[in-house]
């Protein structure tokens, strides 16, 4: 028996909104990447609470380091995530 993975709904208008914003870390000018906090592969939706705008440099860095190390490198980033409802649990995992 085979099950198809459900198609995820993309909100192109919302993604475009985040492309046109400055980077949430360095404020570099658009276009920037709409980055998901809970990844698409993990079922993360296109919702304001799950998106941020990152320049290519910081999007790549976030993917390589992970959120916990990013908040250590950029302390204000922890407040940014908390403002969207995200906190770290005792195992340094980001939860909403």
N, C-alpha and C. Protein backbone atom coordinates (compact mmCIF):
# COMPACT_ATOMS: atom_id res chain seq x y z
N UNK A 1 0.84 -1.16 0.00
CA UNK A 1 0.00 0.00 0.00
C UNK A 1 0.90 1.24 0.00
N UNK A 2 0.56 2.20 -0.80
CA UNK A 2 1.35 3.43 -0.92
C UNK A 2 0.48 4.63 -0.58
N UNK A 3 1.06 5.56 0.14
CA UNK A 3 0.35 6.78 0.49
C UNK A 3 1.06 7.96 -0.14
N UNK A 4 0.27 8.85 -0.74
CA UNK A 4 0.84 10.05 -1.31
C UNK A 4 1.00 11.10 -0.24
N UNK A 5 2.12 11.82 -0.30
CA UNK A 5 2.34 12.92 0.62
C UNK A 5 1.38 14.04 0.23
N UNK A 6 0.68 14.62 1.21
CA UNK A 6 -0.25 15.70 0.86
C UNK A 6 0.50 16.90 0.30
N UNK A 7 -0.08 17.53 -0.69
CA UNK A 7 0.52 18.71 -1.30
C UNK A 7 0.42 19.87 -0.31
N UNK A 8 1.52 20.57 -0.15
CA UNK A 8 1.48 21.73 0.73
C UNK A 8 0.97 22.94 -0.04
N UNK A 9 0.24 23.75 0.67
CA UNK A 9 -0.34 24.95 0.07
C UNK A 9 0.68 26.07 0.17
N UNK A 10 1.06 26.64 -0.97
CA UNK A 10 1.98 27.77 -0.98
C UNK A 10 1.19 29.06 -1.09
N UNK A 11 1.57 30.02 -0.28
CA UNK A 11 0.95 31.34 -0.32
C UNK A 11 1.92 32.27 -1.04
N UNK A 12 1.81 32.33 -2.35
CA UNK A 12 2.75 33.11 -3.16
C UNK A 12 2.75 34.59 -2.79
N UNK A 13 1.60 35.12 -2.45
CA UNK A 13 1.51 36.53 -2.07
C UNK A 13 2.30 36.80 -0.78
N UNK A 14 2.17 35.92 0.19
CA UNK A 14 2.90 36.08 1.44
C UNK A 14 4.40 35.89 1.23
N UNK A 15 4.79 34.90 0.43
CA UNK A 15 6.21 34.69 0.15
C UNK A 15 6.81 35.90 -0.55
N UNK A 16 6.06 36.51 -1.45
CA UNK A 16 6.52 37.71 -2.15
C UNK A 16 6.68 38.88 -1.17
N UNK A 17 5.78 38.97 -0.19
CA UNK A 17 5.87 40.00 0.84
C UNK A 17 7.22 39.89 1.56
N UNK A 18 7.64 38.66 1.90
CA UNK A 18 8.92 38.47 2.60
C UNK A 18 10.11 38.65 1.68
N UNK A 19 9.97 38.40 0.39
CA UNK A 19 11.05 38.66 -0.57
C UNK A 19 11.35 40.16 -0.65
N UNK A 20 10.32 40.98 -0.47
CA UNK A 20 10.45 42.43 -0.62
C UNK A 20 10.87 43.14 0.67
N UNK A 21 11.09 42.39 1.73
CA UNK A 21 11.50 42.98 3.02
C UNK A 21 13.02 42.98 3.15
N UNK A 22 13.51 43.82 4.04
CA UNK A 22 14.93 43.81 4.39
C UNK A 22 15.24 42.55 5.20
N UNK A 23 16.50 42.14 5.18
CA UNK A 23 16.93 40.98 5.96
C UNK A 23 16.68 41.26 7.44
N UNK A 24 16.10 40.29 8.14
CA UNK A 24 15.80 40.45 9.56
C UNK A 24 17.04 40.42 10.44
N UNK A 25 18.20 40.12 9.88
CA UNK A 25 19.44 40.12 10.67
C UNK A 25 20.30 41.35 10.34
N UNK A 26 20.57 41.58 9.08
CA UNK A 26 21.50 42.67 8.72
C UNK A 26 20.83 43.85 8.02
N UNK A 27 19.55 43.76 7.76
CA UNK A 27 18.77 44.82 7.10
C UNK A 27 19.21 45.10 5.67
N UNK A 28 19.82 44.11 5.01
CA UNK A 28 20.21 44.31 3.61
C UNK A 28 18.96 44.48 2.76
N UNK A 29 19.12 45.23 1.69
CA UNK A 29 18.00 45.55 0.82
C UNK A 29 17.47 44.32 0.08
N UNK A 30 16.18 44.34 -0.26
CA UNK A 30 15.59 43.25 -1.04
C UNK A 30 16.18 43.21 -2.45
N UNK A 31 15.99 42.10 -3.14
CA UNK A 31 15.20 40.94 -2.75
C UNK A 31 15.96 40.04 -1.77
N UNK A 32 15.21 39.41 -0.88
CA UNK A 32 15.75 38.48 0.09
C UNK A 32 14.94 37.19 0.05
N UNK A 33 15.42 36.21 0.79
CA UNK A 33 14.75 34.91 0.80
C UNK A 33 13.65 34.86 1.86
N UNK A 34 12.46 34.40 1.52
CA UNK A 34 11.48 34.11 2.56
C UNK A 34 11.90 32.79 3.21
N UNK A 35 12.33 32.84 4.46
CA UNK A 35 12.86 31.66 5.15
C UNK A 35 11.83 31.14 6.15
N UNK A 36 11.67 29.83 6.16
CA UNK A 36 10.73 29.19 7.09
C UNK A 36 11.45 28.83 8.38
N UNK A 37 10.81 29.11 9.51
CA UNK A 37 11.37 28.75 10.81
C UNK A 37 11.19 27.24 11.00
N UNK A 38 9.97 26.77 10.90
CA UNK A 38 9.73 25.31 10.80
C UNK A 38 9.76 25.03 9.31
N UNK A 39 10.71 24.23 8.88
CA UNK A 39 10.96 24.04 7.45
C UNK A 39 9.76 23.47 6.71
N UNK A 40 9.76 23.70 5.43
CA UNK A 40 8.71 23.13 4.57
C UNK A 40 8.71 21.62 4.67
N UNK A 41 9.92 21.03 4.69
CA UNK A 41 10.04 19.57 4.77
C UNK A 41 9.47 19.00 6.05
N UNK A 42 9.43 19.81 7.10
CA UNK A 42 8.85 19.38 8.39
C UNK A 42 7.39 19.75 8.49
N UNK A 43 6.83 20.23 7.40
CA UNK A 43 5.41 20.60 7.39
C UNK A 43 5.14 22.04 7.78
N UNK A 44 6.17 22.87 7.80
CA UNK A 44 6.00 24.27 8.16
C UNK A 44 5.18 25.02 7.12
N UNK A 45 4.15 25.74 7.57
CA UNK A 45 3.27 26.44 6.64
C UNK A 45 3.80 27.82 6.25
N UNK A 46 3.22 28.37 5.22
CA UNK A 46 3.47 29.75 4.82
C UNK A 46 2.54 30.63 5.65
N UNK A 47 2.98 30.99 6.85
CA UNK A 47 2.23 31.85 7.77
C UNK A 47 3.22 32.86 8.34
N UNK A 48 2.73 34.04 8.72
CA UNK A 48 3.62 35.07 9.26
C UNK A 48 4.44 34.56 10.44
N UNK A 49 3.84 33.77 11.33
CA UNK A 49 4.55 33.29 12.51
C UNK A 49 5.68 32.32 12.15
N UNK A 50 5.68 31.82 10.92
CA UNK A 50 6.67 30.82 10.51
C UNK A 50 7.63 31.34 9.43
N UNK A 51 7.56 32.60 9.10
CA UNK A 51 8.40 33.15 8.03
C UNK A 51 9.23 34.33 8.53
N UNK A 52 10.37 34.50 7.90
CA UNK A 52 11.21 35.66 8.12
C UNK A 52 11.93 35.96 6.81
N UNK A 53 12.47 37.14 6.72
CA UNK A 53 13.19 37.54 5.53
C UNK A 53 14.68 37.49 5.84
N UNK A 54 15.43 36.70 5.07
CA UNK A 54 16.88 36.60 5.26
C UNK A 54 17.59 36.81 3.93
N UNK A 55 18.69 37.57 3.97
CA UNK A 55 19.52 37.68 2.77
C UNK A 55 20.12 36.30 2.51
N UNK A 56 20.66 36.12 1.34
CA UNK A 56 21.20 34.80 0.99
C UNK A 56 22.32 34.37 1.94
N UNK A 57 23.17 35.31 2.35
CA UNK A 57 24.27 34.99 3.26
C UNK A 57 23.72 34.47 4.59
N UNK A 58 22.75 35.16 5.17
CA UNK A 58 22.22 34.74 6.47
C UNK A 58 21.30 33.52 6.36
N UNK A 59 20.64 33.35 5.22
CA UNK A 59 19.82 32.15 5.04
C UNK A 59 20.73 30.92 4.99
N UNK A 60 21.83 31.02 4.27
CA UNK A 60 22.79 29.92 4.20
C UNK A 60 23.40 29.66 5.57
N UNK A 61 23.77 30.74 6.27
CA UNK A 61 24.35 30.59 7.61
C UNK A 61 23.37 29.92 8.57
N UNK A 62 22.12 30.34 8.53
CA UNK A 62 21.10 29.74 9.40
C UNK A 62 20.94 28.26 9.10
N UNK A 63 20.94 27.90 7.84
CA UNK A 63 20.80 26.49 7.46
C UNK A 63 21.98 25.67 7.96
N UNK A 64 23.18 26.25 7.94
CA UNK A 64 24.38 25.52 8.37
C UNK A 64 24.51 25.46 9.89
N UNK A 65 24.24 26.57 10.57
CA UNK A 65 24.43 26.64 12.02
C UNK A 65 23.24 26.13 12.82
N UNK A 66 22.04 26.39 12.32
CA UNK A 66 20.83 26.10 13.08
C UNK A 66 20.45 27.32 13.91
N UNK A 67 19.22 27.31 14.41
CA UNK A 67 18.70 28.48 15.11
C UNK A 67 19.40 28.73 16.44
N UNK A 68 19.71 27.70 17.19
CA UNK A 68 20.32 27.91 18.50
C UNK A 68 21.65 28.64 18.38
N UNK A 69 22.52 28.19 17.48
CA UNK A 69 23.82 28.84 17.30
C UNK A 69 23.66 30.24 16.70
N UNK A 70 22.64 30.43 15.87
CA UNK A 70 22.39 31.77 15.33
C UNK A 70 22.04 32.75 16.44
N UNK A 71 21.26 32.31 17.44
CA UNK A 71 20.90 33.20 18.54
C UNK A 71 22.10 33.50 19.44
N UNK A 72 23.07 32.61 19.45
CA UNK A 72 24.29 32.87 20.22
C UNK A 72 25.17 33.87 19.48
N UNK A 73 25.21 33.76 18.16
CA UNK A 73 26.01 34.68 17.36
C UNK A 73 25.35 36.05 17.26
N UNK A 74 24.03 36.07 17.13
CA UNK A 74 23.24 37.31 17.01
C UNK A 74 22.20 37.31 18.14
N UNK A 75 22.57 37.78 19.35
CA UNK A 75 21.66 37.69 20.50
C UNK A 75 20.26 38.28 20.27
N UNK A 76 20.15 39.35 19.50
CA UNK A 76 18.83 39.96 19.23
C UNK A 76 17.92 39.01 18.46
N UNK A 77 18.50 38.03 17.78
CA UNK A 77 17.72 37.11 16.96
C UNK A 77 16.80 36.25 17.84
N UNK A 78 17.22 35.98 19.07
CA UNK A 78 16.39 35.23 20.00
C UNK A 78 15.10 36.01 20.29
N UNK A 79 15.22 37.33 20.47
CA UNK A 79 14.05 38.16 20.72
C UNK A 79 13.14 38.19 19.49
N UNK A 80 13.75 38.21 18.32
CA UNK A 80 12.96 38.20 17.08
C UNK A 80 12.11 36.93 17.02
N UNK A 81 12.73 35.78 17.28
CA UNK A 81 12.01 34.51 17.25
C UNK A 81 10.93 34.46 18.32
N UNK A 82 11.24 34.96 19.52
CA UNK A 82 10.26 34.99 20.61
C UNK A 82 9.06 35.85 20.23
N UNK A 83 9.31 36.92 19.51
CA UNK A 83 8.23 37.79 19.05
C UNK A 83 7.28 37.09 18.10
N UNK A 84 7.74 36.04 17.45
CA UNK A 84 6.90 35.25 16.55
C UNK A 84 6.34 34.02 17.27
N UNK A 85 6.62 33.91 18.58
CA UNK A 85 6.05 32.82 19.38
C UNK A 85 6.94 31.60 19.52
N UNK A 86 8.22 31.69 19.16
CA UNK A 86 9.14 30.55 19.21
C UNK A 86 10.05 30.66 20.42
N UNK A 87 10.28 29.55 21.11
CA UNK A 87 11.19 29.49 22.27
C UNK A 87 11.98 28.18 22.19
N UNK A 88 13.12 28.17 22.87
CA UNK A 88 13.93 26.95 22.93
C UNK A 88 13.52 26.13 24.14
N UNK A 89 13.40 24.81 23.96
CA UNK A 89 13.10 23.93 25.08
C UNK A 89 14.42 23.55 25.77
N UNK A 90 14.37 22.68 26.75
CA UNK A 90 15.56 22.26 27.50
C UNK A 90 16.59 21.54 26.66
N UNK A 91 16.21 21.04 25.50
CA UNK A 91 17.13 20.33 24.61
C UNK A 91 17.64 21.22 23.46
N UNK A 92 17.46 22.53 23.62
CA UNK A 92 17.89 23.51 22.61
C UNK A 92 17.15 23.34 21.30
N UNK A 93 15.93 22.82 21.36
CA UNK A 93 15.08 22.68 20.18
C UNK A 93 14.09 23.82 20.17
N UNK A 94 13.88 24.38 19.01
CA UNK A 94 12.95 25.48 18.86
C UNK A 94 11.51 24.95 18.82
N UNK A 95 10.65 25.52 19.64
CA UNK A 95 9.24 25.08 19.74
C UNK A 95 8.33 26.30 19.68
N UNK A 96 7.13 26.06 19.23
CA UNK A 96 6.12 27.11 19.21
C UNK A 96 4.97 26.68 20.05
